[in-house]
Structures are given as structure tokens and as C-alpha cells.
Amino acid sequence: MADSRRILIVEDEAIVALFIEDLLEELGHKVAGTVSRLKEAMERGKQGDFDLAILDVHLHGEDVFPFADLLVEQKTPFIFATGYGEHGIPERFRGAPTLQKPFRPDELADMIAKLTAGTSPKP
């Protein structure tokens, strides 16, 4: 797939992470990894070895927003995936791409396509 992306999954629920992994592979993308804690996400963010990230908002009692701030600084696109919808997102991230769990495969595919339109995958 020409538009295949390496996508980092930041999710603390194992079953949800597996679902997203399977879904991304079915959509033709590569899973760059799955992390379940904020500290792990921050370390991966510094490596920058992914094109896009899907972020659960709460990871084992910690908010993912410091990682989202890092991604904004790096100009790396991301999608919030949360059961709270936009209501659980701080004001500074209002308008950021957000999927409400549970989301449909086509919703994820559409959002990835919009976020990556006109860009090339990282080498």
C-alpha cells in the first residue's frame, strides 16, 4: 500500500490495543509499537520512529497530554481515542482529531487519511 503508515498505539487496555493493531493491519498500515504507560510513550516520542499515533487519554491513572504536547512540538499527527469523547480533552487540544470509543473501522481509516493527506511516510 503506497500510503502505508507506521502508527504507534498508546493504550493501556490490552484487548483494545489488540483490536486497534488488527484494524491497522487490515487497513494496510504497520504498527510501530504499542505502549501502555506515559513514560514509555515519552521515550518512544523522542525516537520519532512513527508517522502517527493513536492515544488513549488515560493510561493507568495518568493523562496522555504531556505526550500529545511532545507530538505537537514535533509536528507528528495524532488521534485521541477515548470513551469520553471531546468532553475529556483539555481546552488546548479542543479540535484535535478525536474518536469516541468504540469507533468503527471506517472512522479510523478516514481520520488517518485526512491526517496524512499530502505527506509522505517517514523513511
PDB file of N, CA and C in Angstrom:
ATOM      1  N   MET A   1       0.849  -1.192   0.000  1.00  0.00           N
ATOM      2  CA  MET A   1       0.000   0.000   0.000  1.00  0.00           C
ATOM      3  C   MET A   1       0.882   1.239   0.000  1.00  0.00           C
ATOM      4  N   ALA A   2       0.701   2.108  -0.950  1.00  0.00           N
ATOM      5  CA  ALA A   2       1.542   3.291  -1.102  1.00  0.00           C
ATOM      6  C   ALA A   2       1.405   4.248   0.080  1.00  0.00           C
ATOM      7  N   ASP A   3       0.239   4.325   0.693  1.00  0.00           N
ATOM      8  CA  ASP A   3       0.014   5.243   1.797  1.00  0.00           C
ATOM      9  C   ASP A   3       0.144   4.571   3.157  1.00  0.00           C
ATOM     10  N   SER A   4       0.816   3.448   3.216  1.00  0.00           N
ATOM     11  CA  SER A   4       1.001   2.733   4.467  1.00  0.00           C
ATOM     12  C   SER A   4       1.796   3.591   5.451  1.00  0.00           C
ATOM     13  N   ARG A   5       1.338   3.650   6.666  1.00  0.00           N
ATOM     14  CA  ARG A   5       1.977   4.451   7.717  1.00  0.00           C
ATOM     15  C   ARG A   5       2.405   3.566   8.875  1.00  0.00           C
ATOM     16  N   ARG A   6       3.440   4.021   9.571  1.00  0.00           N
ATOM     17  CA  ARG A   6       3.860   3.367  10.824  1.00  0.00           C
ATOM     18  C   ARG A   6       3.156   4.110  11.950  1.00  0.00           C
ATOM     19  N   ILE A   7       2.334   3.382  12.684  1.00  0.00           N
ATOM     20  CA  ILE A   7       1.471   4.018  13.677  1.00  0.00           C
ATOM     21  C   ILE A   7       1.767   3.451  15.065  1.00  0.00           C
ATOM     22  N   LEU A   8       2.006   4.350  16.002  1.00  0.00           N
ATOM     23  CA  LEU A   8       2.226   3.987  17.394  1.00  0.00           C
ATOM     24  C   LEU A   8       0.880   3.971  18.113  1.00  0.00           C
ATOM     25  N   ILE A   9       0.632   2.914  18.856  1.00  0.00           N
ATOM     26  CA  ILE A   9      -0.594   2.795  19.648  1.00  0.00           C
ATOM     27  C   ILE A   9      -0.235   3.050  21.106  1.00  0.00           C
ATOM     28  N   VAL A  10      -0.925   3.987  21.732  1.00  0.00           N
ATOM     29  CA  VAL A  10      -0.729   4.310  23.143  1.00  0.00           C
ATOM     30  C   VAL A  10      -2.038   3.983  23.843  1.00  0.00           C
ATOM     31  N   GLU A  11      -2.076   2.814  24.470  1.00  0.00           N
ATOM     32  CA  GLU A  11      -3.333   2.264  25.012  1.00  0.00           C
ATOM     33  C   GLU A  11      -3.006   1.325  26.166  1.00  0.00           C
ATOM     34  N   ASP A  12      -3.709   1.488  27.293  1.00  0.00           N
ATOM     35  CA  ASP A  12      -3.424   0.639  28.447  1.00  0.00           C
ATOM     36  C   ASP A  12      -4.343  -0.571  28.581  1.00  0.00           C
ATOM     37  N   GLU A  13      -5.364  -0.665  27.779  1.00  0.00           N
ATOM     38  CA  GLU A  13      -6.247  -1.836  27.790  1.00  0.00           C
ATOM     39  C   GLU A  13      -5.768  -2.800  26.706  1.00  0.00           C
ATOM     40  N   ALA A  14      -5.264  -3.954  27.103  1.00  0.00           N
ATOM     41  CA  ALA A  14      -4.657  -4.900  26.159  1.00  0.00           C
ATOM     42  C   ALA A  14      -5.622  -5.310  25.051  1.00  0.00           C
ATOM     43  N   ILE A  15      -6.865  -5.581  25.376  1.00  0.00           N
ATOM     44  CA  ILE A  15      -7.824  -6.037  24.367  1.00  0.00           C
ATOM     45  C   ILE A  15      -8.100  -4.935  23.346  1.00  0.00           C
ATOM     46  N   VAL A  16      -8.150  -3.686  23.802  1.00  0.00           N
ATOM     47  CA  VAL A  16      -8.376  -2.556  22.893  1.00  0.00           C
ATOM     48  C   VAL A  16      -7.151  -2.366  22.001  1.00  0.00           C
ATOM     49  N   ALA A  17      -5.962  -2.477  22.590  1.00  0.00           N
ATOM     50  CA  ALA A  17      -4.723  -2.335  21.808  1.00  0.00           C
ATOM     51  C   ALA A  17      -4.658  -3.403  20.719  1.00  0.00           C
ATOM     52  N   LEU A  18      -5.013  -4.630  21.051  1.00  0.00           N
ATOM     53  CA  LEU A  18      -5.006  -5.716  20.057  1.00  0.00           C
ATOM     54  C   LEU A  18      -6.019  -5.445  18.947  1.00  0.00           C
ATOM     55  N   PHE A  19      -7.179  -4.952  19.316  1.00  0.00           N
ATOM     56  CA  PHE A  19      -8.198  -4.600  18.322  1.00  0.00           C
ATOM     57  C   PHE A  19      -7.662  -3.544  17.358  1.00  0.00           C
ATOM     58  N   ILE A  20      -7.028  -2.498  17.911  1.00  0.00           N
ATOM     59  CA  ILE A  20      -6.502  -1.424  17.059  1.00  0.00           C
ATOM     60  C   ILE A  20      -5.369  -1.956  16.186  1.00  0.00           C
ATOM     61  N   GLU A  21      -4.495  -2.803  16.749  1.00  0.00           N
ATOM     62  CA  GLU A  21      -3.416  -3.402  15.954  1.00  0.00           C
ATOM     63  C   GLU A  21      -3.983  -4.156  14.756  1.00  0.00           C
ATOM     64  N   ASP A  22      -4.959  -5.025  15.018  1.00  0.00           N
ATOM     65  CA  ASP A  22      -5.571  -5.806  13.935  1.00  0.00           C
ATOM     66  C   ASP A  22      -6.211  -4.895  12.896  1.00  0.00           C
ATOM     67  N   LEU A  23      -6.904  -3.892  13.363  1.00  0.00           N
ATOM     68  CA  LEU A  23      -7.580  -2.957  12.471  1.00  0.00           C
ATOM     69  C   LEU A  23      -6.573  -2.219  11.585  1.00  0.00           C
ATOM     70  N   LEU A  24      -5.492  -1.741  12.173  1.00  0.00           N
ATOM     71  CA  LEU A  24      -4.478  -1.026  11.390  1.00  0.00           C
ATOM     72  C   LEU A  24      -3.856  -1.925  10.334  1.00  0.00           C
ATOM     73  N   GLU A  25      -3.580  -3.166  10.697  1.00  0.00           N
ATOM     74  CA  GLU A  25      -3.009  -4.102   9.734  1.00  0.00           C
ATOM     75  C   GLU A  25      -3.987  -4.385   8.601  1.00  0.00           C
ATOM     76  N   GLU A  26      -5.276  -4.533   8.931  1.00  0.00           N
ATOM     77  CA  GLU A  26      -6.293  -4.738   7.892  1.00  0.00           C
ATOM     78  C   GLU A  26      -6.376  -3.532   6.955  1.00  0.00           C
ATOM     79  N   LEU A  27      -6.100  -2.349   7.483  1.00  0.00           N
ATOM     80  CA  LEU A  27      -6.134  -1.124   6.681  1.00  0.00           C
ATOM     81  C   LEU A  27      -4.847  -0.917   5.889  1.00  0.00           C
ATOM     82  N   GLY A  28      -3.868  -1.815   6.082  1.00  0.00           N
ATOM     83  CA  GLY A  28      -2.622  -1.741   5.326  1.00  0.00           C
ATOM     84  C   GLY A  28      -1.516  -0.940   5.986  1.00  0.00           C
ATOM     85  N   HIS A  29      -1.691  -0.600   7.249  1.00  0.00           N
ATOM     86  CA  HIS A  29      -0.672   0.153   7.972  1.00  0.00           C
ATOM     87  C   HIS A  29       0.201  -0.794   8.788  1.00  0.00           C
ATOM     88  N   LYS A  30       1.332  -0.271   9.260  1.00  0.00           N
ATOM     89  CA  LYS A  30       2.243  -1.030  10.109  1.00  0.00           C
ATOM     90  C   LYS A  30       2.141  -0.494  11.524  1.00  0.00           C
ATOM     91  N   VAL A  31       2.100  -1.388  12.484  1.00  0.00           N
ATOM     92  CA  VAL A  31       2.092  -0.980  13.880  1.00  0.00           C
ATOM     93  C   VAL A  31       3.545  -0.752  14.292  1.00  0.00           C
ATOM     94  N   ALA A  32       3.869   0.481  14.636  1.00  0.00           N
ATOM     95  CA  ALA A  32       5.235   0.833  15.034  1.00  0.00           C
ATOM     96  C   ALA A  32       5.522   0.368  16.456  1.00  0.00           C
ATOM     97  N   GLY A  33       4.478   0.016  17.179  1.00  0.00           N
ATOM     98  CA  GLY A  33       4.616  -0.455  18.552  1.00  0.00           C
ATOM     99  C   GLY A  33       3.374  -0.101  19.341  1.00  0.00           C
ATOM    100  N   THR A  34       3.301  -0.710  20.512  1.00  0.00           N
ATOM    101  CA  THR A  34       2.207  -0.429  21.431  1.00  0.00           C
ATOM    102  C   THR A  34       2.813  -0.157  22.797  1.00  0.00           C
ATOM    103  N   VAL A  35       2.447   0.956  23.399  1.00  0.00           N
ATOM    104  CA  VAL A  35       2.906   1.288  24.745  1.00  0.00           C
ATOM    105  C   VAL A  35       1.686   1.542  25.623  1.00  0.00           C
ATOM    106  N   SER A  36       1.844   1.247  26.905  1.00  0.00           N
ATOM    107  CA  SER A  36       0.689   1.358  27.788  1.00  0.00           C
ATOM    108  C   SER A  36       0.893   2.326  28.949  1.00  0.00           C
ATOM    109  N   ARG A  37       2.055   2.952  29.002  1.00  0.00           N
ATOM    110  CA  ARG A  37       2.338   3.901  30.083  1.00  0.00           C
ATOM    111  C   ARG A  37       2.886   5.198  29.507  1.00  0.00           C
ATOM    112  N   LEU A  38       2.633   6.295  30.204  1.00  0.00           N
ATOM    113  CA  LEU A  38       3.075   7.602  29.751  1.00  0.00           C
ATOM    114  C   LEU A  38       4.593   7.647  29.585  1.00  0.00           C
ATOM    115  N   LYS A  39       5.323   7.099  30.529  1.00  0.00           N
ATOM    116  CA  LYS A  39       6.789   7.122  30.462  1.00  0.00           C
ATOM    117  C   LYS A  39       7.285   6.436  29.186  1.00  0.00           C
ATOM    118  N   GLU A  40       6.691   5.291  28.856  1.00  0.00           N
ATOM    119  CA  GLU A  40       7.068   4.573  27.630  1.00  0.00           C
ATOM    120  C   GLU A  40       6.752   5.423  26.392  1.00  0.00           C
ATOM    121  N   ALA A  41       5.600   6.068  26.414  1.00  0.00           N
ATOM    122  CA  ALA A  41       5.199   6.903  25.281  1.00  0.00           C
ATOM    123  C   ALA A  41       6.195   8.045  25.093  1.00  0.00           C
ATOM    124  N   MET A  42       6.601   8.681  26.175  1.00  0.00           N
ATOM    125  CA  MET A  42       7.545   9.788  26.078  1.00  0.00           C
ATOM    126  C   MET A  42       8.881   9.317  25.500  1.00  0.00           C
ATOM    127  N   GLU A  43       9.326   8.143  25.915  1.00  0.00           N
ATOM    128  CA  GLU A  43      10.575   7.595  25.378  1.00  0.00           C
ATOM    129  C   GLU A  43      10.453   7.319  23.881  1.00  0.00           C
ATOM    130  N   ARG A  44       9.347   6.715  23.467  1.00  0.00           N
ATOM    131  CA  ARG A  44       9.129   6.454  22.034  1.00  0.00           C
ATOM    132  C   ARG A  44       9.001   7.750  21.247  1.00  0.00           C
ATOM    133  N   GLY A  45       8.381   8.729  21.836  1.00  0.00           N
ATOM    134  CA  GLY A  45       8.231  10.011  21.164  1.00  0.00           C
ATOM    135  C   GLY A  45       9.564  10.649  20.837  1.00  0.00           C
ATOM    136  N   LYS A  46      10.527  10.480  21.709  1.00  0.00           N
ATOM    137  CA  LYS A  46      11.856  11.041  21.472  1.00  0.00           C
ATOM    138  C   LYS A  46      12.568  10.323  20.325  1.00  0.00           C
ATOM    139  N   GLN A  47      12.208   9.063  20.087  1.00  0.00           N
ATOM    140  CA  GLN A  47      12.808   8.306  18.982  1.00  0.00           C
ATOM    141  C   GLN A  47      12.236   8.751  17.637  1.00  0.00           C
ATOM    142  N   GLY A  48      10.968   9.126  17.634  1.00  0.00           N
ATOM    143  CA  GLY A  48      10.344   9.628  16.409  1.00  0.00           C
ATOM    144  C   GLY A  48      10.277   8.625  15.274  1.00  0.00           C
ATOM    145  N   ASP A  49      10.147   7.354  15.583  1.00  0.00           N
ATOM    146  CA  ASP A  49      10.164   6.307  14.557  1.00  0.00           C
ATOM    147  C   ASP A  49       8.772   5.866  14.117  1.00  0.00           C
ATOM    148  N   PHE A  50       7.843   6.813  14.081  1.00  0.00           N
ATOM    149  CA  PHE A  50       6.479   6.522  13.644  1.00  0.00           C
ATOM    150  C   PHE A  50       5.919   7.751  12.951  1.00  0.00           C
ATOM    151  N   ASP A  51       4.904   7.528  12.126  1.00  0.00           N
ATOM    152  CA  ASP A  51       4.299   8.605  11.339  1.00  0.00           C
ATOM    153  C   ASP A  51       3.097   9.252  12.017  1.00  0.00           C
ATOM    154  N   LEU A  52       2.467   8.521  12.915  1.00  0.00           N
ATOM    155  CA  LEU A  52       1.214   8.954  13.514  1.00  0.00           C
ATOM    156  C   LEU A  52       1.028   8.159  14.795  1.00  0.00           C
ATOM    157  N   ALA A  53       0.275   8.690  15.742  1.00  0.00           N
ATOM    158  CA  ALA A  53       0.000   7.970  16.991  1.00  0.00           C
ATOM    159  C   ALA A  53      -1.494   8.007  17.297  1.00  0.00           C
ATOM    160  N   ILE A  54      -1.955   6.923  17.896  1.00  0.00           N
ATOM    161  CA  ILE A  54      -3.337   6.839  18.393  1.00  0.00           C
ATOM    162  C   ILE A  54      -3.235   6.800  19.910  1.00  0.00           C
ATOM    163  N   LEU A  55      -3.845   7.782  20.574  1.00  0.00           N
ATOM    164  CA  LEU A  55      -3.654   7.984  22.002  1.00  0.00           C
ATOM    165  C   LEU A  55      -4.917   7.763  22.814  1.00  0.00           C
ATOM    166  N   ASP A  56      -4.861   6.807  23.730  1.00  0.00           N
ATOM    167  CA  ASP A  56      -5.883   6.714  24.764  1.00  0.00           C
ATOM    168  C   ASP A  56      -5.621   7.889  25.704  1.00  0.00           C
ATOM    169  N   VAL A  57      -6.647   8.480  26.245  1.00  0.00           N
ATOM    170  CA  VAL A  57      -6.489   9.679  27.061  1.00  0.00           C
ATOM    171  C   VAL A  57      -5.961   9.366  28.457  1.00  0.00           C
ATOM    172  N   HIS A  58      -6.356   8.243  29.028  1.00  0.00           N
ATOM    173  CA  HIS A  58      -5.922   7.882  30.385  1.00  0.00           C
ATOM    174  C   HIS A  58      -5.158   6.568  30.343  1.00  0.00           C
ATOM    175  N   LEU A  59      -3.923   6.609  30.879  1.00  0.00           N
ATOM    176  CA  LEU A  59      -3.047   5.438  30.899  1.00  0.00           C
ATOM    177  C   LEU A  59      -2.687   5.094  32.335  1.00  0.00           C
ATOM    178  N   HIS A  60      -3.296   4.062  32.861  1.00  0.00           N
ATOM    179  CA  HIS A  60      -3.006   3.640  34.240  1.00  0.00           C
ATOM    180  C   HIS A  60      -3.039   4.824  35.204  1.00  0.00           C
ATOM    181  N   GLY A  61      -4.076   5.651  35.086  1.00  0.00           N
ATOM    182  CA  GLY A  61      -4.275   6.762  36.001  1.00  0.00           C
ATOM    183  C   GLY A  61      -3.539   8.043  35.633  1.00  0.00           C
ATOM    184  N   GLU A  62      -2.777   8.046  34.554  1.00  0.00           N
ATOM    185  CA  GLU A  62      -2.075   9.254  34.110  1.00  0.00           C
ATOM    186  C   GLU A  62      -2.691   9.751  32.807  1.00  0.00           C
ATOM    187  N   ASP A  63      -2.740  11.059  32.663  1.00  0.00           N
ATOM    188  CA  ASP A  63      -3.224  11.640  31.417  1.00  0.00           C
ATOM    189  C   ASP A  63      -2.128  11.589  30.354  1.00  0.00           C
ATOM    190  N   VAL A  64      -2.520  11.390  29.120  1.00  0.00           N
ATOM    191  CA  VAL A  64      -1.588  11.275  27.995  1.00  0.00           C
ATOM    192  C   VAL A  64      -1.166  12.640  27.439  1.00  0.00           C
ATOM    193  N   PHE A  65      -1.684  13.706  27.987  1.00  0.00           N
ATOM    194  CA  PHE A  65      -1.500  15.030  27.391  1.00  0.00           C
ATOM    195  C   PHE A  65      -0.048  15.509  27.307  1.00  0.00           C
ATOM    196  N   PRO A  66       0.844  15.163  28.251  1.00  0.00           N
ATOM    197  CA  PRO A  66       2.252  15.550  28.048  1.00  0.00           C
ATOM    198  C   PRO A  66       2.835  14.931  26.767  1.00  0.00           C
ATOM    199  N   PHE A  67       2.413  13.721  26.451  1.00  0.00           N
ATOM    200  CA  PHE A  67       2.877  13.091  25.213  1.00  0.00           C
ATOM    201  C   PHE A  67       2.276  13.794  23.999  1.00  0.00           C
ATOM    202  N   ALA A  68       1.015  14.162  24.085  1.00  0.00           N
ATOM    203  CA  ALA A  68       0.382  14.913  22.993  1.00  0.00           C
ATOM    204  C   ALA A  68       1.104  16.242  22.776  1.00  0.00           C
ATOM    205  N   ASP A  69       1.516  16.895  23.873  1.00  0.00           N
ATOM    206  CA  ASP A  69       2.281  18.138  23.748  1.00  0.00           C
ATOM    207  C   ASP A  69       3.584  17.900  22.983  1.00  0.00           C
ATOM    208  N   LEU A  70       4.272  16.798  23.298  1.00  0.00           N
ATOM    209  CA  LEU A  70       5.509  16.454  22.604  1.00  0.00           C
ATOM    210  C   LEU A  70       5.256  16.241  21.111  1.00  0.00           C
ATOM    211  N   LEU A  71       4.174  15.545  20.790  1.00  0.00           N
ATOM    212  CA  LEU A  71       3.849  15.300  19.385  1.00  0.00           C
ATOM    213  C   LEU A  71       3.545  16.600  18.654  1.00  0.00           C
ATOM    214  N   VAL A  72       2.876  17.517  19.314  1.00  0.00           N
ATOM    215  CA  VAL A  72       2.595  18.820  18.704  1.00  0.00           C
ATOM    216  C   VAL A  72       3.916  19.529  18.399  1.00  0.00           C
ATOM    217  N   GLU A  73       4.839  19.523  19.357  1.00  0.00           N
ATOM    218  CA  GLU A  73       6.153  20.152  19.151  1.00  0.00           C
ATOM    219  C   GLU A  73       6.873  19.537  17.956  1.00  0.00           C
ATOM    220  N   GLN A  74       6.741  18.227  17.804  1.00  0.00           N
ATOM    221  CA  GLN A  74       7.438  17.508  16.730  1.00  0.00           C
ATOM    222  C   GLN A  74       6.665  17.513  15.414  1.00  0.00           C
ATOM    223  N   LYS A  75       5.483  18.082  15.459  1.00  0.00           N
ATOM    224  CA  LYS A  75       4.611  18.110  14.274  1.00  0.00           C
ATOM    225  C   LYS A  75       4.263  16.703  13.787  1.00  0.00           C
ATOM    226  N   THR A  76       4.074  15.793  14.741  1.00  0.00           N
ATOM    227  CA  THR A  76       3.655  14.427  14.442  1.00  0.00           C
ATOM    228  C   THR A  76       2.153  14.335  14.680  1.00  0.00           C
ATOM    229  N   PRO A  77       1.390  13.930  13.672  1.00  0.00           N
ATOM    230  CA  PRO A  77      -0.064  13.858  13.852  1.00  0.00           C
ATOM    231  C   PRO A  77      -0.468  12.767  14.844  1.00  0.00           C
ATOM    232  N   PHE A  78      -1.590  12.990  15.496  1.00  0.00           N
ATOM    233  CA  PHE A  78      -2.110  12.006  16.451  1.00  0.00           C
ATOM    234  C   PHE A  78      -3.624  12.087  16.487  1.00  0.00           C
ATOM    235  N   ILE A  79      -4.190  11.011  17.017  1.00  0.00           N
ATOM    236  CA  ILE A  79      -5.640  10.894  17.185  1.00  0.00           C
ATOM    237  C   ILE A  79      -5.898  10.505  18.628  1.00  0.00           C
ATOM    238  N   PHE A  80      -6.748  11.245  19.318  1.00  0.00           N
ATOM    239  CA  PHE A  80      -7.202  10.807  20.621  1.00  0.00           C
ATOM    240  C   PHE A  80      -8.279   9.752  20.419  1.00  0.00           C
ATOM    241  N   ALA A  81      -8.203   8.667  21.168  1.00  0.00           N
ATOM    242  CA  ALA A  81      -9.241   7.635  21.159  1.00  0.00           C
ATOM    243  C   ALA A  81      -9.702   7.466  22.597  1.00  0.00           C
ATOM    244  N   THR A  82     -10.923   7.867  22.873  1.00  0.00           N
ATOM    245  CA  THR A  82     -11.379   7.904  24.254  1.00  0.00           C
ATOM    246  C   THR A  82     -12.862   7.598  24.362  1.00  0.00           C
ATOM    247  N   GLY A  83     -13.228   7.013  25.472  1.00  0.00           N
ATOM    248  CA  GLY A  83     -14.636   6.772  25.753  1.00  0.00           C
ATOM    249  C   GLY A  83     -15.362   8.037  26.172  1.00  0.00           C
ATOM    250  N   TYR A  84     -14.611   9.085  26.485  1.00  0.00           N
ATOM    251  CA  TYR A  84     -15.201  10.335  26.945  1.00  0.00           C
ATOM    252  C   TYR A  84     -15.548  11.290  25.808  1.00  0.00           C
ATOM    253  N   GLY A  85     -15.064  10.994  24.615  1.00  0.00           N
ATOM    254  CA  GLY A  85     -15.279  11.905  23.505  1.00  0.00           C
ATOM    255  C   GLY A  85     -14.526  13.198  23.748  1.00  0.00           C
ATOM    256  N   GLU A  86     -14.928  14.259  23.096  1.00  0.00           N
ATOM    257  CA  GLU A  86     -14.227  15.533  23.225  1.00  0.00           C
ATOM    258  C   GLU A  86     -14.359  16.148  24.612  1.00  0.00           C
ATOM    259  N   HIS A  87     -15.307  15.665  25.426  1.00  0.00           N
ATOM    260  CA  HIS A  87     -15.508  16.219  26.765  1.00  0.00           C
ATOM    261  C   HIS A  87     -14.331  15.924  27.682  1.00  0.00           C
ATOM    262  N   GLY A  88     -13.566  14.878  27.397  1.00  0.00           N
ATOM    263  CA  GLY A  88     -12.416  14.529  28.232  1.00  0.00           C
ATOM    264  C   GLY A  88     -11.117  15.146  27.758  1.00  0.00           C
ATOM    265  N   ILE A  89     -11.188  16.042  26.798  1.00  0.00           N
ATOM    266  CA  ILE A  89      -9.994  16.646  26.204  1.00  0.00           C
ATOM    267  C   ILE A  89      -9.848  18.078  26.729  1.00  0.00           C
ATOM    268  N   PRO A  90      -8.643  18.455  27.212  1.00  0.00           N
ATOM    269  CA  PRO A  90      -8.463  19.833  27.693  1.00  0.00           C
ATOM    270  C   PRO A  90      -8.645  20.865  26.572  1.00  0.00           C
ATOM    271  N   GLU A  91      -8.923  22.063  26.978  1.00  0.00           N
ATOM    272  CA  GLU A  91      -9.194  23.155  26.036  1.00  0.00           C
ATOM    273  C   GLU A  91      -8.090  23.300  24.990  1.00  0.00           C
ATOM    274  N   ARG A  92      -6.825  23.152  25.386  1.00  0.00           N
ATOM    275  CA  ARG A  92      -5.720  23.367  24.440  1.00  0.00           C
ATOM    276  C   ARG A  92      -5.712  22.346  23.312  1.00  0.00           C
ATOM    277  N   PHE A  93      -6.416  21.232  23.506  1.00  0.00           N
ATOM    278  CA  PHE A  93      -6.483  20.201  22.469  1.00  0.00           C
ATOM    279  C   PHE A  93      -7.857  20.119  21.806  1.00  0.00           C
ATOM    280  N   ARG A  94      -8.759  21.044  22.149  1.00  0.00           N
ATOM    281  CA  ARG A  94     -10.071  21.035  21.507  1.00  0.00           C
ATOM    282  C   ARG A  94      -9.865  21.210  20.009  1.00  0.00           C
ATOM    283  N   GLY A  95     -10.541  20.431  19.255  1.00  0.00           N
ATOM    284  CA  GLY A  95     -10.367  20.475  17.815  1.00  0.00           C
ATOM    285  C   GLY A  95      -9.368  19.452  17.312  1.00  0.00           C
ATOM    286  N   ALA A  96      -8.606  18.825  18.235  1.00  0.00           N
ATOM    287  CA  ALA A  96      -7.686  17.762  17.817  1.00  0.00           C
ATOM    288  C   ALA A  96      -8.517  16.569  17.344  1.00  0.00           C
ATOM    289  N   PRO A  97      -8.009  15.804  16.397  1.00  0.00           N
ATOM    290  CA  PRO A  97      -8.759  14.634  15.932  1.00  0.00           C
ATOM    291  C   PRO A  97      -9.071  13.701  17.095  1.00  0.00           C
ATOM    292  N   THR A  98     -10.336  13.372  17.249  1.00  0.00           N
ATOM    293  CA  THR A  98     -10.768  12.541  18.379  1.00  0.00           C
ATOM    294  C   THR A  98     -11.792  11.525  17.905  1.00  0.00           C
ATOM    295  N   LEU A  99     -11.553  10.279  18.270  1.00  0.00           N
ATOM    296  CA  LEU A  99     -12.518   9.209  18.022  1.00  0.00           C
ATOM    297  C   LEU A  99     -13.100   8.778  19.356  1.00  0.00           C
ATOM    298  N   GLN A 100     -14.398   8.639  19.407  1.00  0.00           N
ATOM    299  CA  GLN A 100     -15.029   8.155  20.623  1.00  0.00           C
ATOM    300  C   GLN A 100     -15.110   6.640  20.563  1.00  0.00           C
ATOM    301  N   LYS A 101     -14.588   5.991  21.610  1.00  0.00           N
ATOM    302  CA  LYS A 101     -14.650   4.534  21.690  1.00  0.00           C
ATOM    303  C   LYS A 101     -16.066   4.128  22.055  1.00  0.00           C
ATOM    304  N   PRO A 102     -16.559   3.056  21.530  1.00  0.00           N
ATOM    305  CA  PRO A 102     -15.950   2.267  20.456  1.00  0.00           C
ATOM    306  C   PRO A 102     -16.148   2.976  19.115  1.00  0.00           C
ATOM    307  N   PHE A 103     -15.133   2.905  18.271  1.00  0.00           N
ATOM    308  CA  PHE A 103     -15.224   3.543  16.963  1.00  0.00           C
ATOM    309  C   PHE A 103     -15.254   2.473  15.881  1.00  0.00           C
ATOM    310  N   ARG A 104     -15.742   2.866  14.717  1.00  0.00           N
ATOM    311  CA  ARG A 104     -15.845   1.940  13.590  1.00  0.00           C
ATOM    312  C   ARG A 104     -14.555   1.973  12.772  1.00  0.00           C
ATOM    313  N   PRO A 105     -14.224   0.880  12.107  1.00  0.00           N
ATOM    314  CA  PRO A 105     -13.022   0.840  11.268  1.00  0.00           C
ATOM    315  C   PRO A 105     -12.976   1.970  10.235  1.00  0.00           C
ATOM    316  N   ASP A 106     -14.117   2.274   9.615  1.00  0.00           N
ATOM    317  CA  ASP A 106     -14.118   3.318   8.593  1.00  0.00           C
ATOM    318  C   ASP A 106     -13.837   4.701   9.192  1.00  0.00           C
ATOM    319  N   GLU A 107     -14.244   4.926  10.445  1.00  0.00           N
ATOM    320  CA  GLU A 107     -13.947   6.201  11.095  1.00  0.00           C
ATOM    321  C   GLU A 107     -12.437   6.368  11.284  1.00  0.00           C
ATOM    322  N   LEU A 108     -11.783   5.293  11.715  1.00  0.00           N
ATOM    323  CA  LEU A 108     -10.332   5.342  11.892  1.00  0.00           C
ATOM    324  C   LEU A 108      -9.632   5.524  10.552  1.00  0.00           C
ATOM    325  N   ALA A 109     -10.048   4.780   9.557  1.00  0.00           N
ATOM    326  CA  ALA A 109      -9.435   4.883   8.224  1.00  0.00           C
ATOM    327  C   ALA A 109      -9.566   6.297   7.671  1.00  0.00           C
ATOM    328  N   ASP A 110     -10.739   6.892   7.800  1.00  0.00           N
ATOM    329  CA  ASP A 110     -10.972   8.251   7.303  1.00  0.00           C
ATOM    330  C   ASP A 110     -10.096   9.263   8.027  1.00  0.00           C
ATOM    331  N   MET A 111      -9.975   9.113   9.338  1.00  0.00           N
ATOM    332  CA  MET A 111      -9.190  10.067  10.114  1.00  0.00           C
ATOM    333  C   MET A 111      -7.701   9.964   9.770  1.00  0.00           C
ATOM    334  N   ILE A 112      -7.197   8.744   9.610  1.00  0.00           N
ATOM    335  CA  ILE A 112      -5.795   8.563   9.223  1.00  0.00           C
ATOM    336  C   ILE A 112      -5.557   9.190   7.856  1.00  0.00           C
ATOM    337  N   ALA A 113      -6.464   8.946   6.924  1.00  0.00           N
ATOM    338  CA  ALA A 113      -6.315   9.504   5.578  1.00  0.00           C
ATOM    339  C   ALA A 113      -6.290  11.032   5.606  1.00  0.00           C
ATOM    340  N   LYS A 114      -7.164  11.650   6.392  1.00  0.00           N
ATOM    341  CA  LYS A 114      -7.205  13.109   6.481  1.00  0.00           C
ATOM    342  C   LYS A 114      -5.928  13.666   7.105  1.00  0.00           C
ATOM    343  N   LEU A 115      -5.433  12.989   8.141  1.00  0.00           N
ATOM    344  CA  LEU A 115      -4.244  13.488   8.838  1.00  0.00           C
ATOM    345  C   LEU A 115      -2.976  13.348   8.022  1.00  0.00           C
ATOM    346  N   THR A 116      -2.950  12.395   7.124  1.00  0.00           N
ATOM    347  CA  THR A 116      -1.720  12.126   6.375  1.00  0.00           C
ATOM    348  C   THR A 116      -1.801  12.575   4.919  1.00  0.00           C
ATOM    349  N   ALA A 117      -2.911  13.152   4.517  1.00  0.00           N
ATOM    350  CA  ALA A 117      -3.062  13.605   3.124  1.00  0.00           C
ATOM    351  C   ALA A 117      -1.958  14.586   2.765  1.00  0.00           C
ATOM    352  N   GLY A 118      -1.325  14.331   1.654  1.00  0.00           N
ATOM    353  CA  GLY A 118      -0.295  15.239   1.179  1.00  0.00           C
ATOM    354  C   GLY A 118       1.056  15.106   1.849  1.00  0.00           C
ATOM    355  N   THR A 119       1.203  14.098   2.718  1.00  0.00           N
ATOM    356  CA  THR A 119       2.500  13.875   3.364  1.00  0.00           C
ATOM    357  C   THR A 119       3.018  12.507   2.990  1.00  0.00           C
ATOM    358  N   SER A 120       4.325  12.364   3.067  1.00  0.00           N
ATOM    359  CA  SER A 120       4.956  11.070   2.794  1.00  0.00           C
ATOM    360  C   SER A 120       5.297  10.394   4.107  1.00  0.00           C
ATOM    361  N   PRO A 121       5.264   9.052   4.127  1.00  0.00           N
ATOM    362  CA  PRO A 121       5.711   8.348   5.337  1.00  0.00           C
ATOM    363  C   PRO A 121       7.170   8.684   5.635  1.00  0.00           C
ATOM    364  N   LYS A 122       7.541   8.633   6.920  1.00  0.00           N
ATOM    365  CA  LYS A 122       8.935   8.859   7.291  1.00  0.00           C
ATOM    366  C   LYS A 122       9.798   7.725   6.740  1.00  0.00           C
ATOM    367  N   PRO A 123      11.023   8.053   6.333  1.00  0.00           N
ATOM    368  CA  PRO A 123      11.908   6.999   5.792  1.00  0.00           C
ATOM    369  C   PRO A 123      12.338   6.020   6.872  1.00  0.00           C
TER     370      PRO A 123
END
